[in-house]
Amino acid sequence: VEREGFMPKFLMQATFSPDGVKNLIEQGGTKRQEQLQGLAQSLGGTLEAVYFSPQRNEGFVILDLPDGQRINLAGTLMAVNAGGFVQIKAQPVLTARELDSAVERARSVKVPGK
């Protein structure tokens, strides 16, 4: 059951190419965070958190996005990934309470062959 005003959370994992790392060195993390904030706002969502793991050339982002923006997010990520500076994976994530609801649903599903 979807709640009015509820926005699913998405975890994005970015892996930077050598040129992408060069861009991070030139621009810094704050500039990248501002760009991500603009992305979230353009999709009607909010940016919850941005973290970088420089030793692995990775970044992690948590976004809250309206349900109807999944396709727009996918298209945006395809364009960003095609640029060659970063490869981004995005997936919806659940809170502990949402997982409890999913577990209740899982318990009620009749699995064929069991």
Protein backbone atom coordinates (compact mmCIF):
# COMPACT_ATOMS: atom_id res chain seq x y z
CA VAL A 1 0.00 0.00 0.00
CA GLU A 2 1.54 3.30 -1.10
CA ARG A 3 1.27 6.24 1.28
CA GLU A 4 0.34 9.75 0.15
CA GLY A 5 3.49 11.84 -0.17
CA PHE A 6 5.76 8.81 0.31
CA MET A 7 9.00 8.88 -1.66
CA PRO A 8 11.02 5.69 -2.09
CA LYS A 9 14.72 5.86 -1.26
CA PHE A 10 17.34 4.95 -3.81
CA LEU A 11 20.95 4.01 -3.09
CA MET A 12 23.31 4.98 -5.86
CA GLN A 13 26.84 3.62 -6.07
CA ALA A 14 29.26 5.45 -8.34
CA THR A 15 32.60 4.08 -9.52
CA PHE A 16 34.83 6.78 -11.00
CA SER A 17 37.12 6.22 -13.98
CA PRO A 18 40.63 7.73 -13.83
CA ASP A 19 39.30 10.80 -15.68
CA GLY A 20 36.38 10.94 -13.25
CA VAL A 21 38.83 10.98 -10.33
CA LYS A 22 40.74 13.80 -12.05
CA ASN A 23 37.47 15.75 -12.24
CA LEU A 24 36.85 15.13 -8.53
CA ILE A 25 40.33 16.43 -7.74
CA GLU A 26 39.69 19.55 -9.81
CA GLN A 27 36.13 20.22 -8.61
CA GLY A 28 36.03 18.73 -5.12
CA GLY A 29 33.25 16.94 -3.32
CA THR A 30 31.10 19.98 -2.50
CA LYS A 31 30.66 20.83 -6.18
CA ARG A 32 29.67 17.22 -6.91
CA GLN A 33 27.18 17.30 -4.03
CA GLU A 34 25.63 20.50 -5.45
CA GLN A 35 25.25 18.79 -8.83
CA LEU A 36 23.56 15.82 -7.18
CA GLN A 37 21.25 18.17 -5.28
CA GLY A 38 20.24 19.71 -8.61
CA LEU A 39 19.60 16.24 -10.06
CA ALA A 40 17.40 15.27 -7.12
CA GLN A 41 15.42 18.51 -7.37
CA SER A 42 14.98 18.14 -11.14
CA LEU A 43 13.36 14.76 -10.47
CA GLY A 44 11.10 16.17 -7.74
CA GLY A 45 13.07 14.53 -4.96
CA THR A 46 15.58 15.31 -2.26
CA LEU A 47 19.20 14.44 -1.65
CA GLU A 48 19.60 12.71 1.70
CA ALA A 49 23.31 11.92 1.80
CA VAL A 50 26.53 11.87 -0.23
CA TYR A 51 29.63 9.92 0.78
CA PHE A 52 32.93 9.37 -0.98
CA SER A 53 35.37 6.49 -0.63
CA PRO A 54 38.51 7.88 -2.33
CA GLN A 55 40.63 4.80 -1.76
CA ARG A 56 38.16 2.82 -3.90
CA ASN A 57 37.27 5.62 -6.35
CA GLU A 58 33.63 5.31 -5.31
CA GLY A 59 30.81 7.48 -4.11
CA PHE A 60 27.49 6.65 -2.49
CA VAL A 61 24.31 8.70 -2.66
CA ILE A 62 20.90 8.31 -1.03
CA LEU A 63 18.01 10.01 -2.83
CA ASP A 64 14.31 10.25 -2.04
CA LEU A 65 12.40 10.26 -5.34
CA PRO A 66 8.70 10.19 -6.19
CA ASP A 67 7.46 6.86 -7.56
CA GLY A 68 6.92 8.23 -11.05
CA GLN A 69 10.55 9.27 -11.47
CA ARG A 70 12.16 5.82 -11.78
CA ILE A 71 12.20 5.97 -15.57
CA ASN A 72 13.59 9.51 -15.59
CA LEU A 73 16.29 8.43 -13.13
CA ALA A 74 17.16 5.47 -15.36
CA GLY A 75 17.45 7.71 -18.43
CA THR A 76 19.58 10.22 -16.56
CA LEU A 77 21.93 7.50 -15.33
CA MET A 78 22.24 6.04 -18.82
CA ALA A 79 23.35 9.44 -20.11
CA VAL A 80 25.79 9.97 -17.22
CA ASN A 81 27.23 6.46 -17.60
CA ALA A 82 27.72 7.02 -21.34
CA GLY A 83 30.00 9.98 -20.54
CA GLY A 84 32.76 7.62 -19.41
CA PHE A 85 33.72 9.47 -16.20
CA VAL A 86 31.63 7.40 -13.81
CA GLN A 87 29.52 4.24 -13.77
CA ILE A 88 26.48 4.54 -11.53
CA LYS A 89 24.20 1.80 -10.26
CA ALA A 90 20.94 2.72 -8.53
CA GLN A 91 18.57 0.54 -6.59
CA PRO A 92 15.59 1.13 -4.35
CA VAL A 93 16.25 0.42 -0.68
CA LEU A 94 13.90 -0.28 2.24
CA THR A 95 13.78 0.96 5.80
CA ALA A 96 13.57 -1.66 8.57
CA ARG A 97 9.82 -1.06 8.87
CA GLU A 98 9.35 -1.43 5.11
CA LEU A 99 11.34 -4.66 5.22
CA ASP A 100 8.99 -5.93 7.94
CA SER A 101 6.07 -5.32 5.56
CA ALA A 102 7.93 -7.14 2.77
CA VAL A 103 8.63 -10.07 5.09
CA GLU A 104 4.93 -10.30 5.98
CA ARG A 105 4.14 -10.43 2.27
CA ALA A 106 6.84 -13.07 1.68
CA ARG A 107 5.34 -15.28 4.39
CA SER A 108 1.93 -15.18 2.70
CA VAL A 109 3.15 -16.10 -0.80
CA LYS A 110 2.48 -19.67 -1.84
CA VAL A 111 5.59 -20.92 -3.62
CA PRO A 112 4.95 -23.48 -6.38
CA GLY A 113 6.30 -26.92 -5.50
CA LYS A 114 6.23 -26.44 -1.73
